[in-house]
């Protein structure tokens, strides 16, 4: 899904930010030679696409996909080192 292509803009989003956030965004936009709105749109769109891709898309070559799907059907393998690790008290406790 690549929605970063130039299309007709007919929707609006209004944002409230702190002065510091606006200054940061303006500096970043200027460093890329973009207008503030173009920078915010492209950056937030890229972040949204990345977030959703991480949650919904999975690409593998056909043979690797077959191996992956087959492995999901197998009984889990006990890994002694992992079992020992989880048996220990956490450093956060």
N, C-alpha and C. Protein backbone atom coordinates (compact mmCIF):
# COMPACT_ATOMS: atom_id res chain seq x y z
N UNK A 1 0.85 -1.17 0.00
CA UNK A 1 0.00 0.00 0.00
C UNK A 1 0.89 1.24 0.00
N UNK A 2 0.95 1.95 -1.09
CA UNK A 2 1.75 3.15 -1.14
C UNK A 2 0.82 4.32 -1.38
N UNK A 3 0.52 5.05 -0.30
CA UNK A 3 -0.40 6.18 -0.40
C UNK A 3 0.35 7.50 -0.42
N UNK A 4 1.67 7.45 -0.64
CA UNK A 4 2.45 8.68 -0.64
C UNK A 4 2.43 9.36 -2.00
N UNK A 5 1.81 8.75 -3.01
CA UNK A 5 1.72 9.37 -4.33
C UNK A 5 0.84 10.61 -4.26
N UNK A 6 1.12 11.56 -5.13
CA UNK A 6 0.36 12.80 -5.14
C UNK A 6 -1.06 12.53 -5.62
N UNK A 7 -2.04 12.86 -4.82
CA UNK A 7 -3.44 12.69 -5.18
C UNK A 7 -4.18 13.97 -4.82
N UNK A 8 -5.42 14.06 -5.24
CA UNK A 8 -6.23 15.21 -4.89
C UNK A 8 -6.45 15.23 -3.39
N UNK A 9 -6.18 16.36 -2.81
CA UNK A 9 -6.32 16.50 -1.35
C UNK A 9 -7.68 17.12 -1.06
N UNK A 10 -8.57 16.32 -0.49
CA UNK A 10 -9.91 16.82 -0.21
C UNK A 10 -10.34 16.55 1.23
N UNK A 11 -9.41 16.13 2.08
CA UNK A 11 -9.71 15.92 3.50
C UNK A 11 -8.78 16.78 4.32
N UNK A 12 -9.17 17.07 5.53
CA UNK A 12 -8.39 17.98 6.37
C UNK A 12 -8.16 17.34 7.74
N UNK A 13 -6.96 17.57 8.27
CA UNK A 13 -6.62 17.16 9.64
C UNK A 13 -6.07 18.38 10.35
N UNK A 14 -6.64 18.72 11.48
CA UNK A 14 -6.15 19.84 12.29
C UNK A 14 -5.42 19.29 13.50
N UNK A 15 -4.24 19.83 13.75
CA UNK A 15 -3.42 19.36 14.87
C UNK A 15 -3.05 20.50 15.79
N UNK A 16 -2.95 20.21 17.05
CA UNK A 16 -2.43 21.17 18.02
C UNK A 16 -1.12 20.61 18.53
N UNK A 17 -0.08 21.41 18.46
CA UNK A 17 1.24 21.01 18.94
C UNK A 17 1.82 22.12 19.81
N UNK A 18 2.84 21.75 20.58
CA UNK A 18 3.51 22.77 21.40
C UNK A 18 4.40 23.61 20.49
N UNK A 19 4.84 24.75 20.99
CA UNK A 19 5.76 25.60 20.22
C UNK A 19 7.05 24.84 19.91
N UNK A 20 7.52 24.07 20.88
CA UNK A 20 8.75 23.30 20.68
C UNK A 20 8.58 22.25 19.59
N UNK A 21 7.43 21.56 19.58
CA UNK A 21 7.17 20.56 18.55
C UNK A 21 7.10 21.20 17.18
N UNK A 22 6.43 22.36 17.09
CA UNK A 22 6.31 23.04 15.80
C UNK A 22 7.68 23.48 15.31
N UNK A 23 8.50 24.01 16.20
CA UNK A 23 9.84 24.44 15.81
C UNK A 23 10.67 23.25 15.31
N UNK A 24 10.57 22.14 15.99
CA UNK A 24 11.29 20.93 15.58
C UNK A 24 10.84 20.47 14.21
N UNK A 25 9.55 20.43 13.99
CA UNK A 25 9.01 20.00 12.70
C UNK A 25 9.42 20.96 11.59
N UNK A 26 9.40 22.27 11.88
CA UNK A 26 9.81 23.25 10.89
C UNK A 26 11.28 23.09 10.52
N UNK A 27 12.13 22.84 11.51
CA UNK A 27 13.56 22.64 11.23
C UNK A 27 13.77 21.39 10.39
N UNK A 28 13.08 20.32 10.73
CA UNK A 28 13.22 19.07 9.98
C UNK A 28 12.72 19.25 8.54
N UNK A 29 11.61 19.94 8.38
CA UNK A 29 11.07 20.19 7.04
C UNK A 29 12.05 21.02 6.22
N UNK A 30 12.59 22.07 6.82
CA UNK A 30 13.54 22.93 6.12
C UNK A 30 14.79 22.16 5.72
N UNK A 31 15.22 21.23 6.58
CA UNK A 31 16.43 20.46 6.28
C UNK A 31 16.24 19.57 5.06
N UNK A 32 14.98 19.24 4.74
CA UNK A 32 14.68 18.42 3.56
C UNK A 32 14.13 19.25 2.41
N UNK A 33 14.12 20.57 2.60
CA UNK A 33 13.62 21.45 1.53
C UNK A 33 12.14 21.31 1.28
N UNK A 34 11.39 20.98 2.33
CA UNK A 34 9.94 20.79 2.19
C UNK A 34 9.19 21.84 2.98
N UNK A 35 7.95 22.09 2.55
CA UNK A 35 7.05 22.91 3.36
C UNK A 35 6.65 22.08 4.58
N UNK A 36 6.29 22.76 5.66
CA UNK A 36 5.93 22.08 6.90
C UNK A 36 4.81 21.06 6.67
N UNK A 37 3.76 21.46 6.00
CA UNK A 37 2.63 20.53 5.80
C UNK A 37 3.05 19.32 4.97
N UNK A 38 3.86 19.54 3.93
CA UNK A 38 4.33 18.41 3.12
C UNK A 38 5.19 17.45 3.94
N UNK A 39 6.04 18.01 4.80
CA UNK A 39 6.90 17.19 5.65
C UNK A 39 6.06 16.36 6.62
N UNK A 40 5.11 17.01 7.28
CA UNK A 40 4.28 16.30 8.26
C UNK A 40 3.46 15.21 7.58
N UNK A 41 2.91 15.51 6.42
CA UNK A 41 2.11 14.51 5.71
C UNK A 41 2.97 13.33 5.28
N UNK A 42 4.12 13.60 4.66
CA UNK A 42 4.94 12.48 4.17
C UNK A 42 5.50 11.66 5.33
N UNK A 43 5.95 12.32 6.39
CA UNK A 43 6.52 11.59 7.53
C UNK A 43 5.47 10.76 8.25
N UNK A 44 4.31 11.34 8.47
CA UNK A 44 3.27 10.59 9.18
C UNK A 44 2.69 9.47 8.31
N UNK A 45 2.61 9.67 7.01
CA UNK A 45 2.13 8.63 6.11
C UNK A 45 3.11 7.46 6.08
N UNK A 46 4.42 7.77 6.00
CA UNK A 46 5.43 6.70 6.03
C UNK A 46 5.36 5.92 7.34
N UNK A 47 5.20 6.63 8.46
CA UNK A 47 5.10 5.97 9.76
C UNK A 47 3.86 5.08 9.83
N UNK A 48 2.75 5.56 9.31
CA UNK A 48 1.50 4.79 9.32
C UNK A 48 1.64 3.53 8.47
N UNK A 49 2.22 3.68 7.27
CA UNK A 49 2.40 2.52 6.40
C UNK A 49 3.31 1.48 7.05
N UNK A 50 4.38 1.95 7.67
CA UNK A 50 5.32 1.04 8.34
C UNK A 50 4.64 0.32 9.50
N UNK A 51 3.88 1.05 10.28
CA UNK A 51 3.18 0.46 11.42
C UNK A 51 2.20 -0.62 10.97
N UNK A 52 1.43 -0.31 9.95
CA UNK A 52 0.43 -1.27 9.47
C UNK A 52 1.08 -2.45 8.76
N UNK A 53 2.15 -2.21 8.03
CA UNK A 53 2.84 -3.31 7.35
C UNK A 53 3.41 -4.30 8.35
N UNK A 54 3.95 -3.77 9.45
CA UNK A 54 4.49 -4.65 10.48
C UNK A 54 3.41 -5.52 11.11
N UNK A 55 2.17 -5.08 11.05
CA UNK A 55 1.09 -5.82 11.67
C UNK A 55 0.32 -6.71 10.71
N UNK A 56 0.42 -6.45 9.41
CA UNK A 56 -0.49 -7.14 8.51
C UNK A 56 0.13 -7.80 7.30
N UNK A 57 1.38 -7.51 6.97
CA UNK A 57 1.95 -8.06 5.75
C UNK A 57 3.13 -8.95 6.05
N UNK A 58 3.21 -10.02 5.30
CA UNK A 58 4.25 -11.01 5.51
C UNK A 58 4.62 -11.57 4.14
N UNK A 59 5.83 -11.28 3.68
CA UNK A 59 6.26 -11.73 2.36
C UNK A 59 7.46 -12.65 2.47
N UNK A 60 7.38 -13.79 1.82
CA UNK A 60 8.48 -14.74 1.72
C UNK A 60 8.44 -15.37 0.34
N UNK A 61 9.61 -15.78 -0.15
CA UNK A 61 9.58 -16.57 -1.39
C UNK A 61 8.76 -17.85 -1.16
N UNK A 62 8.21 -18.40 -2.22
CA UNK A 62 7.26 -19.52 -2.12
C UNK A 62 7.79 -20.68 -1.27
N UNK A 63 9.03 -21.10 -1.51
CA UNK A 63 9.58 -22.25 -0.78
C UNK A 63 9.73 -21.93 0.71
N UNK A 64 10.19 -20.73 1.03
CA UNK A 64 10.32 -20.35 2.44
C UNK A 64 8.95 -20.23 3.10
N UNK A 65 7.97 -19.74 2.36
CA UNK A 65 6.61 -19.64 2.91
C UNK A 65 6.07 -21.02 3.22
N UNK A 66 6.32 -21.99 2.35
CA UNK A 66 5.86 -23.36 2.59
C UNK A 66 6.51 -23.91 3.85
N UNK A 67 7.82 -23.72 4.00
CA UNK A 67 8.52 -24.18 5.21
C UNK A 67 7.95 -23.50 6.45
N UNK A 68 7.70 -22.21 6.35
CA UNK A 68 7.14 -21.48 7.48
C UNK A 68 5.77 -22.03 7.87
N UNK A 69 4.91 -22.20 6.89
CA UNK A 69 3.56 -22.71 7.18
C UNK A 69 3.62 -24.13 7.74
N UNK A 70 4.50 -24.96 7.20
CA UNK A 70 4.67 -26.32 7.71
C UNK A 70 5.14 -26.28 9.17
N UNK A 71 6.05 -25.36 9.48
CA UNK A 71 6.58 -25.29 10.85
C UNK A 71 5.49 -24.88 11.85
N UNK A 72 4.50 -24.14 11.39
CA UNK A 72 3.40 -23.76 12.29
C UNK A 72 2.56 -24.95 12.69
N UNK A 73 2.57 -25.98 11.85
CA UNK A 73 1.79 -27.18 12.12
C UNK A 73 2.53 -28.19 12.99
N UNK A 74 3.83 -28.02 13.15
CA UNK A 74 4.63 -28.97 13.93
C UNK A 74 4.42 -28.77 15.43
N UNK A 75 4.69 -29.84 16.18
CA UNK A 75 4.67 -29.74 17.63
C UNK A 75 5.84 -28.86 18.07
N UNK A 76 5.66 -28.05 19.10
CA UNK A 76 6.77 -27.20 19.54
C UNK A 76 7.92 -28.04 20.09
N UNK A 77 9.14 -27.52 19.89
CA UNK A 77 10.34 -28.18 20.37
C UNK A 77 10.74 -27.54 21.70
N UNK A 78 11.04 -28.37 22.68
CA UNK A 78 11.48 -27.85 23.97
C UNK A 78 12.95 -27.45 23.86
N UNK A 79 13.24 -26.22 24.25
CA UNK A 79 14.60 -25.72 24.23
C UNK A 79 15.03 -25.55 25.68
N UNK A 80 15.92 -26.40 26.13
CA UNK A 80 16.29 -26.44 27.55
C UNK A 80 16.84 -25.08 28.03
N UNK A 81 17.68 -24.45 27.25
CA UNK A 81 18.23 -23.16 27.66
C UNK A 81 17.15 -22.11 27.87
N UNK A 82 16.16 -22.10 27.01
CA UNK A 82 15.05 -21.16 27.14
C UNK A 82 14.20 -21.51 28.36
N UNK A 83 14.00 -22.78 28.58
CA UNK A 83 13.24 -23.23 29.75
C UNK A 83 13.95 -22.80 31.03
N UNK A 84 15.28 -22.95 31.06
CA UNK A 84 16.08 -22.54 32.23
C UNK A 84 16.00 -21.02 32.43
N UNK A 85 16.06 -20.29 31.34
CA UNK A 85 16.00 -18.83 31.43
C UNK A 85 14.70 -18.37 32.06
N UNK A 86 13.59 -18.94 31.62
CA UNK A 86 12.29 -18.54 32.17
C UNK A 86 12.07 -19.04 33.60
N UNK A 87 12.83 -20.02 34.01
CA UNK A 87 12.70 -20.54 35.38
C UNK A 87 13.41 -19.61 36.37
N UNK A 88 14.36 -18.81 35.88
CA UNK A 88 15.09 -17.88 36.76
C UNK A 88 14.26 -16.68 37.13
N UNK A 89 14.59 -16.10 38.28
CA UNK A 89 13.94 -14.88 38.72
C UNK A 89 14.34 -13.73 37.80
N UNK A 90 13.40 -12.90 37.42
CA UNK A 90 13.68 -11.79 36.53
C UNK A 90 14.50 -10.71 37.23
N UNK A 91 15.34 -10.03 36.51
CA UNK A 91 16.12 -8.93 37.07
C UNK A 91 15.21 -7.74 37.41
N UNK A 92 14.01 -7.74 36.91
CA UNK A 92 13.07 -6.65 37.17
C UNK A 92 12.20 -6.90 38.40
N UNK A 93 12.35 -8.06 39.00
CA UNK A 93 11.53 -8.38 40.18
C UNK A 93 12.24 -7.92 41.43
